PDB file of N, CA and C in Angstrom:
ATOM      1  N   UNK A   1     -10.936   1.260 -45.360  1.00  0.00           N
ATOM      2  CA  UNK A   1      -9.567   0.885 -44.693  1.00  0.00           C
ATOM      3  C   UNK A   1      -9.553   0.429 -43.265  1.00  0.00           C
ATOM      4  N   UNK A   2      -8.427  -0.183 -43.111  1.00  0.00           N
ATOM      5  CA  UNK A   2      -8.013  -0.430 -41.304  1.00  0.00           C
ATOM      6  C   UNK A   2      -7.449   0.478 -40.456  1.00  0.00           C
ATOM      7  N   UNK A   3      -7.996   0.188 -39.256  1.00  0.00           N
ATOM      8  CA  UNK A   3      -7.807   1.146 -38.181  1.00  0.00           C
ATOM      9  C   UNK A   3      -6.341  -0.002 -37.768  1.00  0.00           C
ATOM     10  N   UNK A   4      -5.330   1.516 -37.452  1.00  0.00           N
ATOM     11  CA  UNK A   4      -4.424   0.380 -36.500  1.00  0.00           C
ATOM     12  C   UNK A   4      -3.850  -0.190 -35.298  1.00  0.00           C
ATOM     13  N   UNK A   5      -4.979   1.068 -35.122  1.00  0.00           N
ATOM     14  CA  UNK A   5      -5.766   1.515 -32.755  1.00  0.00           C
ATOM     15  C   UNK A   5      -6.135   0.018 -32.569  1.00  0.00           C
ATOM     16  N   UNK A   6      -5.411  -0.011 -31.475  1.00  0.00           N
ATOM     17  CA  UNK A   6      -5.432  -1.377 -30.722  1.00  0.00           C
ATOM     18  C   UNK A   6      -6.588  -1.888 -30.218  1.00  0.00           C
ATOM     19  N   UNK A   7      -7.373  -3.094 -30.690  1.00  0.00           N
ATOM     20  CA  UNK A   7      -8.712  -3.425 -30.493  1.00  0.00           C
ATOM     21  C   UNK A   7      -9.595  -3.900 -29.334  1.00  0.00           C
ATOM     22  N   UNK A   8     -10.436  -3.479 -28.502  1.00  0.00           N
ATOM     23  CA  UNK A   8     -10.536  -4.016 -27.278  1.00  0.00           C
ATOM     24  C   UNK A   8     -10.374  -6.043 -26.986  1.00  0.00           C
ATOM     25  N   UNK A   9     -10.061  -5.942 -26.339  1.00  0.00           N
ATOM     26  CA  UNK A   9      -9.878  -7.856 -25.626  1.00  0.00           C
ATOM     27  C   UNK A   9     -12.079  -8.205 -25.684  1.00  0.00           C
ATOM     28  N   UNK A  10     -11.472  -9.181 -25.881  1.00  0.00           N
ATOM     29  CA  UNK A  10     -13.091  -9.958 -25.707  1.00  0.00           C
ATOM     30  C   UNK A  10     -13.962 -10.701 -24.563  1.00  0.00           C
ATOM     31  N   UNK A  11     -14.430 -10.202 -24.426  1.00  0.00           N
ATOM     32  CA  UNK A  11     -14.961 -10.106 -22.714  1.00  0.00           C
ATOM     33  C   UNK A  11     -14.756 -11.268 -22.756  1.00  0.00           C
ATOM     34  N   UNK A  12     -14.367 -12.237 -21.210  1.00  0.00           N
ATOM     35  CA  UNK A  12     -13.965 -13.583 -21.029  1.00  0.00           C
ATOM     36  C   UNK A  12     -16.182 -14.133 -20.120  1.00  0.00           C
ATOM     37  N   UNK A  13     -15.903 -15.349 -20.894  1.00  0.00           N
ATOM     38  CA  UNK A  13     -17.279 -15.517 -19.551  1.00  0.00           C
ATOM     39  C   UNK A  13     -16.381 -15.707 -18.030  1.00  0.00           C
ATOM     40  N   UNK A  14     -15.214 -16.209 -17.631  1.00  0.00           N
ATOM     41  CA  UNK A  14     -15.089 -15.923 -16.209  1.00  0.00           C
ATOM     42  C   UNK A  14     -14.188 -15.450 -16.280  1.00  0.00           C
ATOM     43  N   UNK A  15     -14.545 -13.402 -15.637  1.00  0.00           N
ATOM     44  CA  UNK A  15     -13.609 -12.472 -15.315  1.00  0.00           C
ATOM     45  C   UNK A  15     -12.803 -12.915 -14.330  1.00  0.00           C
ATOM     46  N   UNK A  16     -11.206 -12.677 -14.053  1.00  0.00           N
ATOM     47  CA  UNK A  16     -10.873 -12.612 -13.297  1.00  0.00           C
ATOM     48  C   UNK A  16     -10.982 -11.688 -11.643  1.00  0.00           C
ATOM     49  N   UNK A  17     -11.103 -11.946 -10.303  1.00  0.00           N
ATOM     50  CA  UNK A  17     -11.591 -12.092  -9.573  1.00  0.00           C
ATOM     51  C   UNK A  17     -10.886 -10.501  -8.968  1.00  0.00           C
ATOM     52  N   UNK A  18     -10.947  -9.854  -8.589  1.00  0.00           N
ATOM     53  CA  UNK A  18     -10.900  -8.574  -7.709  1.00  0.00           C
ATOM     54  C   UNK A  18      -9.804  -9.477  -6.494  1.00  0.00           C
ATOM     55  N   UNK A  19      -8.183  -8.823  -6.376  1.00  0.00           N
ATOM     56  CA  UNK A  19      -8.098  -9.642  -5.529  1.00  0.00           C
ATOM     57  C   UNK A  19      -8.165  -8.687  -4.145  1.00  0.00           C
ATOM     58  N   UNK A  20      -8.239  -9.354  -3.108  1.00  0.00           N
ATOM     59  CA  UNK A  20      -8.561  -8.338  -2.102  1.00  0.00           C
ATOM     60  C   UNK A  20      -7.188  -8.578  -1.281  1.00  0.00           C
ATOM     61  N   UNK A  21      -7.154  -6.879  -0.613  1.00  0.00           N
ATOM     62  CA  UNK A  21      -5.845  -6.867   0.578  1.00  0.00           C
ATOM     63  C   UNK A  21      -6.449  -6.357   1.883  1.00  0.00           C
ATOM     64  N   UNK A  22      -6.139  -6.094   2.914  1.00  0.00           N
ATOM     65  CA  UNK A  22      -6.521  -5.959   3.960  1.00  0.00           C
ATOM     66  C   UNK A  22      -5.517  -5.064   4.583  1.00  0.00           C
ATOM     67  N   UNK A  23      -5.687  -4.156   5.616  1.00  0.00           N
ATOM     68  CA  UNK A  23      -5.155  -3.249   6.579  1.00  0.00           C
ATOM     69  C   UNK A  23      -3.340  -4.752   7.015  1.00  0.00           C
ATOM     70  N   UNK A  24      -2.668  -3.466   7.036  1.00  0.00           N
ATOM     71  CA  UNK A  24      -2.453  -4.410   7.677  1.00  0.00           C
ATOM     72  C   UNK A  24      -0.358  -3.642   8.892  1.00  0.00           C
ATOM     73  N   UNK A  25      -0.184  -4.242   9.589  1.00  0.00           N
ATOM     74  CA  UNK A  25       0.485  -3.282  11.389  1.00  0.00           C
ATOM     75  C   UNK A  25       1.984  -2.773  10.733  1.00  0.00           C
ATOM     76  N   UNK A  26       1.661  -2.119  10.072  1.00  0.00           N
ATOM     77  CA  UNK A  26       3.658  -1.753   9.358  1.00  0.00           C
ATOM     78  C   UNK A  26       4.444  -1.842  10.918  1.00  0.00           C
ATOM     79  N   UNK A  27       4.212  -1.731  12.268  1.00  0.00           N
ATOM     80  CA  UNK A  27       5.468  -2.594  12.975  1.00  0.00           C
ATOM     81  C   UNK A  27       5.416  -3.865  12.969  1.00  0.00           C
ATOM     82  N   UNK A  28       3.940  -4.205  13.788  1.00  0.00           N
ATOM     83  CA  UNK A  28       5.051  -5.787  14.234  1.00  0.00           C
ATOM     84  C   UNK A  28       4.654  -5.719  12.196  1.00  0.00           C
ATOM     85  N   UNK A  29       3.409  -5.836  11.448  1.00  0.00           N
ATOM     86  CA  UNK A  29       3.293  -6.317  10.062  1.00  0.00           C
ATOM     87  C   UNK A  29       1.807  -7.294  10.315  1.00  0.00           C
ATOM     88  N   UNK A  30       1.445  -7.375  11.185  1.00  0.00           N
ATOM     89  CA  UNK A  30       0.257  -7.974  10.942  1.00  0.00           C
ATOM     90  C   UNK A  30      -0.906  -7.431  10.104  1.00  0.00           C
ATOM     91  N   UNK A  31      -1.126  -8.703  10.319  1.00  0.00           N
ATOM     92  CA  UNK A  31      -2.898  -8.432   8.944  1.00  0.00           C
ATOM     93  C   UNK A  31      -4.155  -7.978   9.528  1.00  0.00           C
ATOM     94  N   UNK A  32      -4.696  -7.064   9.160  1.00  0.00           N
ATOM     95  CA  UNK A  32      -6.199  -7.240  10.124  1.00  0.00           C
ATOM     96  C   UNK A  32      -6.709  -7.407   8.831  1.00  0.00           C
ATOM     97  N   UNK A  33      -7.643  -8.808   9.475  1.00  0.00           N
ATOM     98  CA  UNK A  33      -8.536  -9.055   8.510  1.00  0.00           C
ATOM     99  C   UNK A  33      -9.926  -8.311   9.258  1.00  0.00           C
ATOM    100  N   UNK A  34     -10.427  -7.747   9.243  1.00  0.00           N
ATOM    101  CA  UNK A  34     -11.514  -7.082   9.623  1.00  0.00           C
ATOM    102  C   UNK A  34     -11.454  -5.583   8.515  1.00  0.00           C
ATOM    103  N   UNK A  35     -10.634  -5.467   7.964  1.00  0.00           N
ATOM    104  CA  UNK A  35     -10.117  -3.747   7.913  1.00  0.00           C
ATOM    105  C   UNK A  35      -9.448  -4.023   5.971  1.00  0.00           C
ATOM    106  N   UNK A  36     -10.537  -3.839   5.044  1.00  0.00           N
ATOM    107  CA  UNK A  36      -9.934  -3.937   3.765  1.00  0.00           C
ATOM    108  C   UNK A  36      -8.791  -3.291   3.544  1.00  0.00           C
ATOM    109  N   UNK A  37      -8.516  -2.638   2.454  1.00  0.00           N
ATOM    110  CA  UNK A  37      -7.173  -1.588   2.184  1.00  0.00           C
ATOM    111  C   UNK A  37      -8.326  -0.795   1.781  1.00  0.00           C
ATOM    112  N   UNK A  38      -9.467  -1.565   1.310  1.00  0.00           N
ATOM    113  CA  UNK A  38     -10.914   0.092   0.228  1.00  0.00           C
ATOM    114  C   UNK A  38     -11.155   1.233   1.070  1.00  0.00           C
ATOM    115  N   UNK A  39     -11.315   0.302   2.695  1.00  0.00           N
ATOM    116  CA  UNK A  39     -12.419   0.205   3.827  1.00  0.00           C
ATOM    117  C   UNK A  39     -11.552   1.240   4.654  1.00  0.00           C
ATOM    118  N   UNK A  40     -10.605   1.374   4.606  1.00  0.00           N
ATOM    119  CA  UNK A  40      -9.081   1.922   5.094  1.00  0.00           C
ATOM    120  C   UNK A  40      -8.666   3.742   4.188  1.00  0.00           C
ATOM    121  N   UNK A  41      -9.440   2.944   2.808  1.00  0.00           N
ATOM    122  CA  UNK A  41      -9.643   4.548   2.109  1.00  0.00           C
ATOM    123  C   UNK A  41      -9.796   4.959   1.868  1.00  0.00           C
ATOM    124  N   UNK A  42     -11.546   4.354   2.593  1.00  0.00           N
ATOM    125  CA  UNK A  42     -12.232   5.596   2.900  1.00  0.00           C
ATOM    126  C   UNK A  42     -12.728   6.479   4.045  1.00  0.00           C
ATOM    127  N   UNK A  43     -11.511   6.381   4.911  1.00  0.00           N
ATOM    128  CA  UNK A  43     -11.480   6.568   6.086  1.00  0.00           C
ATOM    129  C   UNK A  43     -11.513   5.753   7.570  1.00  0.00           C
ATOM    130  N   UNK A  44     -11.386   4.259   6.883  1.00  0.00           N
ATOM    131  CA  UNK A  44     -10.981   4.341   7.914  1.00  0.00           C
ATOM    132  C   UNK A  44      -9.612   3.588   8.861  1.00  0.00           C
ATOM    133  N   UNK A  45     -10.091   2.745  10.334  1.00  0.00           N
ATOM    134  CA  UNK A  45      -8.484   3.001  11.208  1.00  0.00           C
ATOM    135  C   UNK A  45      -8.888   1.649  11.600  1.00  0.00           C
ATOM    136  N   UNK A  46      -7.888   1.074  12.761  1.00  0.00           N
ATOM    137  CA  UNK A  46      -8.329  -0.310  13.058  1.00  0.00           C
ATOM    138  C   UNK A  46      -6.642   0.218  13.940  1.00  0.00           C
ATOM    139  N   UNK A  47      -7.061  -0.235  15.394  1.00  0.00           N
ATOM    140  CA  UNK A  47      -5.747  -0.861  16.293  1.00  0.00           C
ATOM    141  C   UNK A  47      -5.456  -2.267  16.249  1.00  0.00           C
ATOM    142  N   UNK A  48      -3.825  -2.553  15.819  1.00  0.00           N
ATOM    143  CA  UNK A  48      -3.750  -3.826  15.801  1.00  0.00           C
ATOM    144  C   UNK A  48      -3.476  -4.636  16.757  1.00  0.00           C
ATOM    145  N   UNK A  49      -4.385  -5.474  16.982  1.00  0.00           N
ATOM    146  CA  UNK A  49      -4.318  -6.530  17.724  1.00  0.00           C
ATOM    147  C   UNK A  49      -3.333  -7.212  19.137  1.00  0.00           C
ATOM    148  N   UNK A  50      -2.065  -6.684  17.777  1.00  0.00           N
ATOM    149  CA  UNK A  50      -1.117  -7.572  18.460  1.00  0.00           C
ATOM    150  C   UNK A  50       0.283  -6.225  19.548  1.00  0.00           C
ATOM    151  N   UNK A  51       0.613  -4.674  19.130  1.00  0.00           N
ATOM    152  CA  UNK A  51       0.752  -4.004  19.401  1.00  0.00           C
ATOM    153  C   UNK A  51       0.439  -3.126  20.242  1.00  0.00           C
ATOM    154  N   UNK A  52      -0.924  -3.656  19.247  1.00  0.00           N
ATOM    155  CA  UNK A  52      -2.130  -2.232  20.495  1.00  0.00           C
ATOM    156  C   UNK A  52      -1.567  -0.744  19.435  1.00  0.00           C
ATOM    157  N   UNK A  53      -0.951  -0.794  18.243  1.00  0.00           N
ATOM    158  CA  UNK A  53      -1.038   0.911  17.616  1.00  0.00           C
ATOM    159  C   UNK A  53      -1.903   1.166  16.996  1.00  0.00           C
ATOM    160  N   UNK A  54      -2.282   2.484  16.946  1.00  0.00           N
ATOM    161  CA  UNK A  54      -3.450   2.753  16.489  1.00  0.00           C
ATOM    162  C   UNK A  54      -3.238   3.408  14.563  1.00  0.00           C
ATOM    163  N   UNK A  55      -4.121   2.281  14.285  1.00  0.00           N
ATOM    164  CA  UNK A  55      -3.377   3.373  12.468  1.00  0.00           C
ATOM    165  C   UNK A  55      -4.737   3.462  11.239  1.00  0.00           C
ATOM    166  N   UNK A  56      -4.571   5.229  10.621  1.00  0.00           N
ATOM    167  CA  UNK A  56      -4.883   5.020   9.546  1.00  0.00           C
ATOM    168  C   UNK A  56      -4.793   5.772   8.583  1.00  0.00           C
ATOM    169  N   UNK A  57      -5.458   6.480   7.539  1.00  0.00           N
ATOM    170  CA  UNK A  57      -5.304   6.167   6.128  1.00  0.00           C
ATOM    171  C   UNK A  57      -4.056   7.273   6.451  1.00  0.00           C
ATOM    172  N   UNK A  58      -4.034   8.574   7.395  1.00  0.00           N
ATOM    173  CA  UNK A  58      -2.925   9.570   7.061  1.00  0.00           C
ATOM    174  C   UNK A  58      -2.280   9.101   7.587  1.00  0.00           C
ATOM    175  N   UNK A  59      -1.858   7.975   8.115  1.00  0.00           N
ATOM    176  CA  UNK A  59      -1.040   7.866   9.614  1.00  0.00           C
ATOM    177  C   UNK A  59       0.355   6.964   8.985  1.00  0.00           C
ATOM    178  N   UNK A  60      -0.604   6.005   8.534  1.00  0.00           N
ATOM    179  CA  UNK A  60      -0.147   4.726   7.842  1.00  0.00           C
ATOM    180  C   UNK A  60       1.087   5.840   6.266  1.00  0.00           C
ATOM    181  N   UNK A  61       0.202   7.104   5.493  1.00  0.00           N
ATOM    182  CA  UNK A  61       0.675   7.229   4.941  1.00  0.00           C
ATOM    183  C   UNK A  61       1.818   8.573   5.214  1.00  0.00           C
ATOM    184  N   UNK A  62       1.976   8.404   6.196  1.00  0.00           N
ATOM    185  CA  UNK A  62       3.443   9.851   7.162  1.00  0.00           C
ATOM    186  C   UNK A  62       4.624   8.183   7.591  1.00  0.00           C
ATOM    187  N   UNK A  63       4.134   7.218   8.012  1.00  0.00           N
ATOM    188  CA  UNK A  63       5.171   6.633   8.328  1.00  0.00           C
ATOM    189  C   UNK A  63       5.749   5.437   6.770  1.00  0.00           C
ATOM    190  N   UNK A  64       4.925   5.644   5.447  1.00  0.00           N
ATOM    191  CA  UNK A  64       5.288   5.442   4.147  1.00  0.00           C
ATOM    192  C   UNK A  64       6.537   6.012   3.520  1.00  0.00           C
ATOM    193  N   UNK A  65       6.172   7.828   4.003  1.00  0.00           N
ATOM    194  CA  UNK A  65       7.114   8.786   3.426  1.00  0.00           C
ATOM    195  C   UNK A  65       8.072   8.232   4.587  1.00  0.00           C
ATOM    196  N   UNK A  66       8.321   9.094   5.883  1.00  0.00           N
ATOM    197  CA  UNK A  66       9.481   8.586   6.344  1.00  0.00           C
ATOM    198  C   UNK A  66      10.125   7.191   6.217  1.00  0.00           C
ATOM    199  N   UNK A  67       9.830   6.018   5.632  1.00  0.00           N
ATOM    200  CA  UNK A  67      10.628   5.467   5.348  1.00  0.00           C
ATOM    201  C   UNK A  67      11.411   5.896   3.974  1.00  0.00           C
ATOM    202  N   UNK A  68      10.318   6.151   2.910  1.00  0.00           N
ATOM    203  CA  UNK A  68      11.155   6.693   1.766  1.00  0.00           C
ATOM    204  C   UNK A  68      12.455   7.310   2.557  1.00  0.00           C
ATOM    205  N   UNK A  69      11.828   8.708   2.715  1.00  0.00           N
ATOM    206  CA  UNK A  69      12.863  10.076   3.643  1.00  0.00           C
ATOM    207  C   UNK A  69      13.930   9.494   4.091  1.00  0.00           C
ATOM    208  N   UNK A  70      14.612   8.287   4.730  1.00  0.00           N
ATOM    209  CA  UNK A  70      15.405   7.770   5.684  1.00  0.00           C
ATOM    210  C   UNK A  70      16.107   6.635   4.603  1.00  0.00           C
ATOM    211  N   UNK A  71      15.502   5.670   3.492  1.00  0.00           N
ATOM    212  CA  UNK A  71      15.684   5.142   2.385  1.00  0.00           C
ATOM    213  C   UNK A  71      16.345   6.284   1.914  1.00  0.00           C
ATOM    214  N   UNK A  72      16.177   7.340   0.833  1.00  0.00           N
ATOM    215  CA  UNK A  72      17.197   8.220   0.855  1.00  0.00           C
ATOM    216  C   UNK A  72      18.543   8.218   1.291  1.00  0.00           C
ATOM    217  N   UNK A  73      17.590   9.105   2.530  1.00  0.00           N
ATOM    218  CA  UNK A  73      19.370   9.552   3.235  1.00  0.00           C
ATOM    219  C   UNK A  73      20.233   8.392   3.673  1.00  0.00           C
ATOM    220  N   UNK A  74      19.723   6.995   3.422  1.00  0.00           N
ATOM    221  CA  UNK A  74      21.281   6.299   3.693  1.00  0.00           C
ATOM    222  C   UNK A  74      21.270   5.910   2.239  1.00  0.00           C
ATOM    223  N   UNK A  75      20.768   6.247   1.355  1.00  0.00           N
ATOM    224  CA  UNK A  75      21.871   5.644   0.234  1.00  0.00           C
ATOM    225  C   UNK A  75      23.068   7.245  -0.048  1.00  0.00           C
ATOM    226  N   UNK A  76      22.672   8.638   0.108  1.00  0.00           N
ATOM    227  CA  UNK A  76      23.818   9.324  -0.051  1.00  0.00           C
ATOM    228  C   UNK A  76      24.394   9.330   1.404  1.00  0.00           C
ATOM    229  N   UNK A  77      24.222   9.014   2.313  1.00  0.00           N
ATOM    230  CA  UNK A  77      25.358   8.453   3.031  1.00  0.00           C
ATOM    231  C   UNK A  77      26.222   8.222   2.628  1.00  0.00           C
ATOM    232  N   UNK A  78      25.899   6.220   2.402  1.00  0.00           N
ATOM    233  CA  UNK A  78      26.636   5.578   2.037  1.00  0.00           C
ATOM    234  C   UNK A  78      27.512   5.624   0.501  1.00  0.00           C
ATOM    235  N   UNK A  79      27.094   7.122  -0.247  1.00  0.00           N
ATOM    236  CA  UNK A  79      27.891   7.315  -0.837  1.00  0.00           C
ATOM    237  C   UNK A  79      28.760   8.603  -0.903  1.00  0.00           C
ATOM    238  N   UNK A  80      28.684   9.320   0.033  1.00  0.00           N
ATOM    239  CA  UNK A  80      29.559  10.643   0.609  1.00  0.00           C
ATOM    240  C   UNK A  80      29.358   9.976   2.319  1.00  0.00           C
ATOM    241  N   UNK A  81      30.132   9.888   2.845  1.00  0.00           N
ATOM    242  CA  UNK A  81      30.340   9.556   4.254  1.00  0.00           C
ATOM    243  C   UNK A  81      30.747  10.759   5.131  1.00  0.00           C
ATOM    244  N   UNK A  82      30.801  12.329   4.781  1.00  0.00           N
ATOM    245  CA  UNK A  82      31.398  13.215   4.881  1.00  0.00           C
ATOM    246  C   UNK A  82      29.210  13.921   5.509  1.00  0.00           C
ATOM    247  N   UNK A  83      28.318  13.722   4.861  1.00  0.00           N
ATOM    248  CA  UNK A  83      26.694  14.465   4.991  1.00  0.00           C
ATOM    249  C   UNK A  83      26.713  13.990   6.134  1.00  0.00           C
TER     250      UNK A  83
END
């Protein structure tokens, strides 16, 4: 009997390296090469060397949530000028 399930890919001799991402200031977009996204998720934080703002995972999540809210509000106001 032949299985219709997908078969796992054979292991390669040279697996693709993971891409290392670093923390980026949402205010001035400066990349902090001393703090990886993994370290940030583990509770790390940093002060931006350009604008001086202090950032950590909860503050970045708040900024991201606000950006989504602002975009949704702008989209609604473009559809309905009375909003």
